[in-house]
Amino acid sequence: MNAVLDILKALGVNETVFPQFIIFLVAFLFLKVFVFTPYMAAYEERRKRTVGSAGVTQELQQEIDRREADFAREAREVNEKIKKLFDMKQAQALKESNALMAEAQTKAQDKLSAGKKEVQEAYAAAKSQLSTFVPEIGQTIKQRLLDR
C-alpha cells in the first residue's frame, strides 16, 4: 500500500484529492439537476416542436400546391371562355363588316352608274350641240381661208 501511496505522491496526488473529488461530485450533481436536465428537456421539447412544425409545413405546402393547381385550372377555364367569347364577337364583327362593305359597294356602284349615265347624257348633249355648230364653224373656217 505504501508503494501505491508513493506512486500517487510521485504523480502529485496528495491528501486534498478526496475533498476535490467530493467538490467535483457535488458540482456535477448540481449541474446535472439544475442545468443539464432542464436544458435537455427544453432541447427535446424544441426538437419535437420543430419536427411537428415540419409536418405542419409539409401539410401547408401540399395545400398550397393543391390550391395553385385549382387556380391554374380555373384560370384556364376562364381563359377558354374569354377566347370563345372573343372569337364569337370577332366573327360577328366580321359579318357586320362584310355586310357594311357590301352595302357600301352597292351604293358606290349605284353612284358610279348614275355618274356614267350623267356623263353619257352630257356627252350626247354636247355631241348634238356640236353637230349644230359644225356647219357654222365650217363656214367660219372657209371664210377666213378665203379672206387671206
N, C-alpha and C. Protein backbone atom coordinates (compact mmCIF):
# COMPACT_ATOMS: atom_id res chain seq x y z
N MET A 1 0.82 -1.18 0.00
CA MET A 1 0.00 0.00 0.00
C MET A 1 0.87 1.25 0.00
N ASN A 2 2.02 1.15 0.69
CA ASN A 2 2.94 2.27 0.69
C ASN A 2 3.47 2.55 -0.71
N ALA A 3 3.65 1.49 -1.46
CA ALA A 3 4.13 1.65 -2.82
C ALA A 3 3.12 2.44 -3.65
N VAL A 4 1.84 2.15 -3.45
CA VAL A 4 0.78 2.86 -4.16
C VAL A 4 0.77 4.32 -3.75
N LEU A 5 0.93 4.57 -2.44
CA LEU A 5 0.95 5.95 -1.95
C LEU A 5 2.17 6.68 -2.48
N ASP A 6 3.28 5.99 -2.56
CA ASP A 6 4.48 6.62 -3.10
C ASP A 6 4.28 6.98 -4.58
N ILE A 7 3.65 6.10 -5.32
CA ILE A 7 3.38 6.37 -6.75
C ILE A 7 2.43 7.55 -6.87
N LEU A 8 1.39 7.58 -6.04
CA LEU A 8 0.43 8.69 -6.09
C LEU A 8 1.10 10.00 -5.73
N LYS A 9 1.96 9.99 -4.73
CA LYS A 9 2.67 11.22 -4.35
C LYS A 9 3.61 11.64 -5.46
N ALA A 10 4.23 10.65 -6.14
CA ALA A 10 5.11 10.97 -7.26
C ALA A 10 4.31 11.61 -8.39
N LEU A 11 3.08 11.25 -8.53
CA LEU A 11 2.22 11.84 -9.55
C LEU A 11 1.65 13.18 -9.11
N GLY A 12 1.82 13.57 -7.91
CA GLY A 12 1.35 14.87 -7.42
C GLY A 12 0.02 14.78 -6.72
N VAL A 13 -0.42 13.57 -6.40
CA VAL A 13 -1.68 13.40 -5.69
C VAL A 13 -1.35 13.43 -4.21
N ASN A 14 -2.11 14.30 -3.49
CA ASN A 14 -1.88 14.39 -2.05
C ASN A 14 -3.19 14.23 -1.31
N GLU A 15 -3.25 14.62 -0.04
CA GLU A 15 -4.43 14.38 0.79
C GLU A 15 -5.63 15.23 0.38
N THR A 16 -5.48 16.19 -0.54
CA THR A 16 -6.60 17.03 -0.97
C THR A 16 -7.41 16.37 -2.08
N VAL A 17 -7.02 15.21 -2.51
CA VAL A 17 -7.72 14.53 -3.59
C VAL A 17 -9.15 14.17 -3.21
N PHE A 18 -9.37 13.73 -1.97
CA PHE A 18 -10.72 13.35 -1.57
C PHE A 18 -11.64 14.55 -1.44
N PRO A 19 -11.21 15.67 -0.86
CA PRO A 19 -12.09 16.84 -0.86
C PRO A 19 -12.34 17.37 -2.28
N GLN A 20 -11.34 17.30 -3.14
CA GLN A 20 -11.54 17.75 -4.53
C GLN A 20 -12.55 16.83 -5.23
N PHE A 21 -12.46 15.55 -4.96
CA PHE A 21 -13.40 14.60 -5.57
C PHE A 21 -14.81 14.87 -5.08
N ILE A 22 -14.97 15.15 -3.81
CA ILE A 22 -16.30 15.44 -3.25
C ILE A 22 -16.84 16.74 -3.83
N ILE A 23 -15.99 17.76 -3.97
CA ILE A 23 -16.43 19.03 -4.57
C ILE A 23 -16.84 18.80 -6.03
N PHE A 24 -16.05 18.00 -6.75
CA PHE A 24 -16.39 17.67 -8.15
C PHE A 24 -17.72 16.96 -8.23
N LEU A 25 -17.95 15.98 -7.33
CA LEU A 25 -19.19 15.21 -7.32
C LEU A 25 -20.38 16.11 -7.00
N VAL A 26 -20.25 17.00 -6.03
CA VAL A 26 -21.33 17.92 -5.67
C VAL A 26 -21.61 18.87 -6.85
N ALA A 27 -20.55 19.41 -7.45
CA ALA A 27 -20.73 20.33 -8.59
C ALA A 27 -21.39 19.60 -9.76
N PHE A 28 -20.95 18.35 -10.01
CA PHE A 28 -21.53 17.58 -11.11
C PHE A 28 -23.01 17.33 -10.87
N LEU A 29 -23.37 16.88 -9.67
CA LEU A 29 -24.77 16.62 -9.36
C LEU A 29 -25.61 17.90 -9.44
N PHE A 30 -25.06 19.02 -8.93
CA PHE A 30 -25.77 20.30 -9.00
C PHE A 30 -26.02 20.69 -10.47
N LEU A 31 -24.99 20.62 -11.29
CA LEU A 31 -25.14 20.98 -12.71
C LEU A 31 -26.09 20.03 -13.43
N LYS A 32 -25.99 18.72 -13.08
CA LYS A 32 -26.88 17.76 -13.74
C LYS A 32 -28.33 18.05 -13.41
N VAL A 33 -28.63 18.32 -12.17
CA VAL A 33 -30.02 18.52 -11.74
C VAL A 33 -30.54 19.88 -12.20
N PHE A 34 -29.77 20.93 -12.03
CA PHE A 34 -30.28 22.27 -12.27
C PHE A 34 -29.94 22.87 -13.64
N VAL A 35 -28.99 22.27 -14.35
CA VAL A 35 -28.62 22.84 -15.64
C VAL A 35 -28.89 21.86 -16.78
N PHE A 36 -28.24 20.70 -16.73
CA PHE A 36 -28.30 19.79 -17.85
C PHE A 36 -29.68 19.17 -18.06
N THR A 37 -30.35 18.76 -16.99
CA THR A 37 -31.68 18.15 -17.14
C THR A 37 -32.70 19.14 -17.71
N PRO A 38 -32.82 20.38 -17.18
CA PRO A 38 -33.76 21.32 -17.80
C PRO A 38 -33.37 21.67 -19.24
N TYR A 39 -32.06 21.78 -19.47
CA TYR A 39 -31.60 22.09 -20.84
C TYR A 39 -32.01 20.98 -21.80
N MET A 40 -31.78 19.74 -21.42
CA MET A 40 -32.13 18.62 -22.29
C MET A 40 -33.64 18.52 -22.48
N ALA A 41 -34.42 18.82 -21.43
CA ALA A 41 -35.88 18.81 -21.56
C ALA A 41 -36.33 19.88 -22.55
N ALA A 42 -35.76 21.07 -22.42
CA ALA A 42 -36.11 22.15 -23.34
C ALA A 42 -35.66 21.81 -24.76
N TYR A 43 -34.50 21.19 -24.87
CA TYR A 43 -33.99 20.79 -26.18
C TYR A 43 -34.93 19.78 -26.83
N GLU A 44 -35.37 18.79 -26.09
CA GLU A 44 -36.28 17.77 -26.61
C GLU A 44 -37.62 18.40 -27.02
N GLU A 45 -38.13 19.31 -26.18
CA GLU A 45 -39.40 19.99 -26.50
C GLU A 45 -39.27 20.78 -27.80
N ARG A 46 -38.18 21.50 -27.93
CA ARG A 46 -37.95 22.30 -29.14
C ARG A 46 -37.82 21.38 -30.36
N ARG A 47 -37.12 20.28 -30.20
CA ARG A 47 -36.96 19.33 -31.31
C ARG A 47 -38.32 18.76 -31.72
N LYS A 48 -39.15 18.42 -30.72
CA LYS A 48 -40.49 17.90 -31.02
C LYS A 48 -41.32 18.94 -31.76
N ARG A 49 -41.24 20.18 -31.31
CA ARG A 49 -42.00 21.25 -31.98
C ARG A 49 -41.49 21.47 -33.40
N THR A 50 -40.19 21.39 -33.55
CA THR A 50 -39.62 21.58 -34.89
C THR A 50 -40.04 20.46 -35.81
N VAL A 51 -39.98 19.24 -35.34
CA VAL A 51 -40.41 18.11 -36.15
C VAL A 51 -41.90 18.23 -36.44
N GLY A 52 -42.67 18.62 -35.44
CA GLY A 52 -44.10 18.82 -35.64
C GLY A 52 -44.35 19.95 -36.61
N SER A 53 -43.57 21.01 -36.52
CA SER A 53 -43.71 22.14 -37.44
C SER A 53 -43.36 21.73 -38.85
N ALA A 54 -42.41 20.86 -38.99
CA ALA A 54 -42.05 20.37 -40.32
C ALA A 54 -43.24 19.63 -40.93
N GLY A 55 -43.93 18.84 -40.12
CA GLY A 55 -45.12 18.14 -40.61
C GLY A 55 -46.20 19.13 -41.01
N VAL A 56 -46.42 20.13 -40.17
CA VAL A 56 -47.43 21.15 -40.48
C VAL A 56 -47.02 21.91 -41.73
N THR A 57 -45.72 22.21 -41.83
CA THR A 57 -45.23 22.93 -43.01
C THR A 57 -45.45 22.09 -44.26
N GLN A 58 -45.20 20.82 -44.17
CA GLN A 58 -45.40 19.94 -45.33
C GLN A 58 -46.88 19.90 -45.70
N GLU A 59 -47.76 19.81 -44.72
CA GLU A 59 -49.20 19.82 -45.00
C GLU A 59 -49.62 21.14 -45.65
N LEU A 60 -49.10 22.25 -45.11
CA LEU A 60 -49.43 23.55 -45.70
C LEU A 60 -48.91 23.65 -47.13
N GLN A 61 -47.72 23.13 -47.39
CA GLN A 61 -47.17 23.17 -48.74
C GLN A 61 -48.03 22.35 -49.69
N GLN A 62 -48.52 21.20 -49.22
CA GLN A 62 -49.41 20.38 -50.04
C GLN A 62 -50.71 21.14 -50.32
N GLU A 63 -51.24 21.83 -49.33
CA GLU A 63 -52.46 22.63 -49.51
C GLU A 63 -52.21 23.75 -50.52
N ILE A 64 -51.04 24.40 -50.40
CA ILE A 64 -50.69 25.47 -51.35
C ILE A 64 -50.61 24.91 -52.77
N ASP A 65 -49.95 23.77 -52.92
CA ASP A 65 -49.83 23.14 -54.24
C ASP A 65 -51.20 22.79 -54.81
N ARG A 66 -52.08 22.26 -53.96
CA ARG A 66 -53.43 21.91 -54.41
C ARG A 66 -54.19 23.15 -54.86
N ARG A 67 -54.09 24.22 -54.07
CA ARG A 67 -54.80 25.44 -54.41
C ARG A 67 -54.22 26.08 -55.68
N GLU A 68 -52.90 26.01 -55.84
CA GLU A 68 -52.30 26.53 -57.06
C GLU A 68 -52.81 25.76 -58.28
N ALA A 69 -52.92 24.44 -58.16
CA ALA A 69 -53.43 23.63 -59.26
C ALA A 69 -54.88 24.00 -59.55
N ASP A 70 -55.69 24.20 -58.49
CA ASP A 70 -57.09 24.61 -58.68
C ASP A 70 -57.16 25.97 -59.37
N PHE A 71 -56.32 26.90 -58.92
CA PHE A 71 -56.31 28.23 -59.52
C PHE A 71 -55.90 28.16 -60.99
N ALA A 72 -54.89 27.37 -61.29
CA ALA A 72 -54.44 27.24 -62.68
C ALA A 72 -55.55 26.65 -63.54
N ARG A 73 -56.26 25.65 -63.02
CA ARG A 73 -57.37 25.04 -63.76
C ARG A 73 -58.47 26.06 -64.01
N GLU A 74 -58.84 26.80 -62.96
CA GLU A 74 -59.89 27.81 -63.11
C GLU A 74 -59.45 28.92 -64.06
N ALA A 75 -58.18 29.29 -64.01
CA ALA A 75 -57.67 30.33 -64.91
C ALA A 75 -57.75 29.84 -66.35
N ARG A 76 -57.42 28.57 -66.60
CA ARG A 76 -57.54 28.03 -67.96
C ARG A 76 -58.99 28.04 -68.42
N GLU A 77 -59.91 27.66 -67.53
CA GLU A 77 -61.33 27.65 -67.90
C GLU A 77 -61.81 29.05 -68.25
N VAL A 78 -61.44 30.02 -67.43
CA VAL A 78 -61.84 31.41 -67.69
C VAL A 78 -61.22 31.89 -69.00
N ASN A 79 -59.97 31.53 -69.22
CA ASN A 79 -59.29 31.93 -70.45
C ASN A 79 -59.99 31.33 -71.67
N GLU A 80 -60.40 30.07 -71.56
CA GLU A 80 -61.12 29.43 -72.67
C GLU A 80 -62.46 30.13 -72.93
N LYS A 81 -63.18 30.48 -71.85
CA LYS A 81 -64.45 31.19 -72.01
C LYS A 81 -64.23 32.53 -72.69
N ILE A 82 -63.22 33.25 -72.26
CA ILE A 82 -62.92 34.56 -72.85
C ILE A 82 -62.56 34.39 -74.32
N LYS A 83 -61.76 33.36 -74.64
CA LYS A 83 -61.38 33.13 -76.03
C LYS A 83 -62.61 32.82 -76.88
N LYS A 84 -63.51 31.97 -76.36
CA LYS A 84 -64.73 31.66 -77.11
C LYS A 84 -65.56 32.91 -77.34
N LEU A 85 -65.71 33.72 -76.29
CA LEU A 85 -66.48 34.96 -76.42
C LEU A 85 -65.81 35.89 -77.42
N PHE A 86 -64.49 36.01 -77.34
CA PHE A 86 -63.75 36.87 -78.26
C PHE A 86 -63.93 36.39 -79.70
N ASP A 87 -63.79 35.08 -79.92
CA ASP A 87 -63.95 34.53 -81.26
C ASP A 87 -65.36 34.77 -81.79
N MET A 88 -66.36 34.60 -80.91
CA MET A 88 -67.74 34.82 -81.32
C MET A 88 -67.96 36.28 -81.71
N LYS A 89 -67.48 37.19 -80.88
CA LYS A 89 -67.64 38.63 -81.18
C LYS A 89 -66.85 39.01 -82.43
N GLN A 90 -65.68 38.40 -82.62
CA GLN A 90 -64.89 38.70 -83.80
C GLN A 90 -65.62 38.23 -85.06
N ALA A 91 -66.21 37.04 -85.02
CA ALA A 91 -66.97 36.53 -86.16
C ALA A 91 -68.17 37.43 -86.44
N GLN A 92 -68.85 37.86 -85.38
CA GLN A 92 -69.99 38.75 -85.53
C GLN A 92 -69.55 40.08 -86.15
N ALA A 93 -68.45 40.63 -85.68
CA ALA A 93 -67.94 41.88 -86.23
C ALA A 93 -67.54 41.71 -87.69
N LEU A 94 -66.97 40.56 -88.04
CA LEU A 94 -66.58 40.30 -89.42
C LEU A 94 -67.82 40.24 -90.32
N LYS A 95 -68.89 39.59 -89.82
CA LYS A 95 -70.13 39.54 -90.60
C LYS A 95 -70.69 40.94 -90.82
N GLU A 96 -70.72 41.74 -89.75
CA GLU A 96 -71.22 43.11 -89.86
C GLU A 96 -70.35 43.92 -90.81
N SER A 97 -69.05 43.74 -90.71
CA SER A 97 -68.12 44.46 -91.58
C SER A 97 -68.35 44.08 -93.03
N ASN A 98 -68.53 42.79 -93.29
CA ASN A 98 -68.79 42.34 -94.67
C ASN A 98 -70.11 42.90 -95.18
N ALA A 99 -71.13 42.93 -94.32
CA ALA A 99 -72.43 43.49 -94.73
C ALA A 99 -72.29 44.97 -95.05
N LEU A 100 -71.58 45.71 -94.21
CA LEU A 100 -71.38 47.14 -94.47
C LEU A 100 -70.58 47.36 -95.74
N MET A 101 -69.56 46.53 -95.98
CA MET A 101 -68.76 46.65 -97.20
C MET A 101 -69.62 46.37 -98.43
N ALA A 102 -70.45 45.34 -98.34
CA ALA A 102 -71.33 45.01 -99.48
C ALA A 102 -72.29 46.17 -99.75
N GLU A 103 -72.84 46.73 -98.67
CA GLU A 103 -73.75 47.87 -98.82
C GLU A 103 -73.02 49.06 -99.42
N ALA A 104 -71.81 49.32 -98.94
CA ALA A 104 -71.03 50.44 -99.47
C ALA A 104 -70.67 50.20 -100.93
N GLN A 105 -70.34 48.97 -101.29
CA GLN A 105 -70.02 48.67 -102.69
C GLN A 105 -71.25 48.86 -103.58
N THR A 106 -72.40 48.44 -103.06
CA THR A 106 -73.64 48.62 -103.82
C THR A 106 -73.92 50.10 -104.04
N LYS A 107 -73.78 50.90 -102.97
CA LYS A 107 -74.00 52.34 -103.09
C LYS A 107 -73.00 52.96 -104.05
N ALA A 108 -71.74 52.55 -103.95
CA ALA A 108 -70.71 53.09 -104.84
C ALA A 108 -71.00 52.71 -106.28
N GLN A 109 -71.44 51.47 -106.51
CA GLN A 109 -71.78 51.02 -107.86
C GLN A 109 -72.95 51.83 -108.40
N ASP A 110 -73.95 52.08 -107.54
CA ASP A 110 -75.11 52.88 -107.97
C ASP A 110 -74.67 54.30 -108.33
N LYS A 111 -73.82 54.90 -107.50
CA LYS A 111 -73.33 56.25 -107.79
C LYS A 111 -72.49 56.26 -109.06
N LEU A 112 -71.68 55.22 -109.25
CA LEU A 112 -70.86 55.12 -110.44
C LEU A 112 -71.74 55.00 -111.68
N SER A 113 -72.77 54.17 -111.57
CA SER A 113 -73.69 54.01 -112.70
C SER A 113 -74.41 55.32 -112.99
N ALA A 114 -74.83 56.02 -111.92
CA ALA A 114 -75.51 57.30 -112.12
C ALA A 114 -74.55 58.31 -112.74
N GLY A 115 -73.30 58.31 -112.29
CA GLY A 115 -72.29 59.21 -112.84
C GLY A 115 -72.02 58.91 -114.30
N LYS A 116 -71.91 57.61 -114.66
CA LYS A 116 -71.70 57.21 -116.06
C LYS A 116 -72.87 57.66 -116.93
N LYS A 117 -74.07 57.51 -116.37
CA LYS A 117 -75.27 57.90 -117.11
C LYS A 117 -75.26 59.40 -117.36
N GLU A 118 -74.89 60.18 -116.33
CA GLU A 118 -74.81 61.64 -116.47
C GLU A 118 -73.77 62.02 -117.51
N VAL A 119 -72.61 61.37 -117.46
CA VAL A 119 -71.55 61.67 -118.42
C VAL A 119 -72.02 61.33 -119.83
N GLN A 120 -72.68 60.17 -119.99
CA GLN A 120 -73.16 59.79 -121.32
C GLN A 120 -74.21 60.79 -121.82
N GLU A 121 -75.09 61.22 -120.90
CA GLU A 121 -76.10 62.20 -121.30
C GLU A 121 -75.44 63.52 -121.68
N ALA A 122 -74.44 63.95 -120.87
CA ALA A 122 -73.74 65.19 -121.18
C ALA A 122 -72.98 65.06 -122.48
N TYR A 123 -72.39 63.89 -122.74
CA TYR A 123 -71.67 63.64 -123.99
C TYR A 123 -72.63 63.71 -125.17
N ALA A 124 -73.77 63.07 -125.01
CA ALA A 124 -74.76 63.10 -126.10
C ALA A 124 -75.25 64.52 -126.34
N ALA A 125 -75.48 65.28 -125.25
CA ALA A 125 -75.95 66.66 -125.40
C ALA A 125 -74.86 67.49 -126.06
N ALA A 126 -73.59 67.29 -125.63
CA ALA A 126 -72.50 68.07 -126.22
C ALA A 126 -72.33 67.70 -127.69
N LYS A 127 -72.48 66.43 -128.01
CA LYS A 127 -72.36 65.98 -129.40
C LYS A 127 -73.45 66.58 -130.27
N SER A 128 -74.65 66.60 -129.73
CA SER A 128 -75.75 67.17 -130.52
C SER A 128 -75.57 68.66 -130.70
N GLN A 129 -75.06 69.33 -129.63
CA GLN A 129 -74.79 70.76 -129.74
C GLN A 129 -73.67 71.01 -130.73
N LEU A 130 -72.66 70.16 -130.67
CA LEU A 130 -71.52 70.33 -131.56
C LEU A 130 -71.94 70.12 -133.01
N SER A 131 -72.85 69.19 -133.24
CA SER A 131 -73.30 68.95 -134.62
C SER A 131 -74.04 70.16 -135.17
N THR A 132 -74.66 70.95 -134.30
CA THR A 132 -75.32 72.17 -134.78
C THR A 132 -74.30 73.26 -135.08
N PHE A 133 -73.14 73.19 -134.40
CA PHE A 133 -72.11 74.20 -134.63
C PHE A 133 -71.16 73.85 -135.78
N VAL A 134 -71.15 72.62 -136.24
CA VAL A 134 -70.21 72.20 -137.28
C VAL A 134 -70.40 73.00 -138.57
N PRO A 135 -71.60 73.15 -139.11
CA PRO A 135 -71.71 73.92 -140.35
C PRO A 135 -71.29 75.38 -140.13
N GLU A 136 -71.60 75.89 -138.99
CA GLU A 136 -71.25 77.28 -138.71
C GLU A 136 -69.74 77.45 -138.62
N ILE A 137 -69.08 76.49 -137.94
CA ILE A 137 -67.62 76.53 -137.80
C ILE A 137 -66.98 76.34 -139.17
N GLY A 138 -67.54 75.42 -139.94
CA GLY A 138 -67.01 75.20 -141.31
C GLY A 138 -67.08 76.46 -142.13
N GLN A 139 -68.16 77.19 -142.02
CA GLN A 139 -68.32 78.46 -142.75
C GLN A 139 -67.30 79.46 -142.27
N THR A 140 -67.07 79.52 -140.97
CA THR A 140 -66.12 80.48 -140.43
C THR A 140 -64.72 80.16 -140.90
N ILE A 141 -64.36 78.90 -140.95
CA ILE A 141 -63.02 78.50 -141.38
C ILE A 141 -62.86 78.82 -142.86
N LYS A 142 -63.88 78.49 -143.62
CA LYS A 142 -63.85 78.74 -145.06
C LYS A 142 -63.68 80.23 -145.32
N GLN A 143 -64.40 81.04 -144.60
CA GLN A 143 -64.36 82.49 -144.74
C GLN A 143 -62.96 83.01 -144.42
N ARG A 144 -62.39 82.55 -143.41
CA ARG A 144 -61.07 83.05 -143.01
C ARG A 144 -60.00 82.59 -144.00
N LEU A 145 -60.16 81.41 -144.54
CA LEU A 145 -59.17 80.94 -145.50
C LEU A 145 -59.27 81.73 -146.81
N LEU A 146 -60.44 82.06 -147.16
CA LEU A 146 -60.63 82.79 -148.39
C LEU A 146 -60.26 84.27 -148.23
N ASP A 147 -60.40 84.79 -147.05
CA ASP A 147 -60.08 86.18 -146.81
C ASP A 147 -58.56 86.39 -146.79
N ARG A 148 -57.82 85.56 -146.77
CA ARG A 148 -56.40 85.73 -146.68
C ARG A 148 -55.83 86.00 -147.96
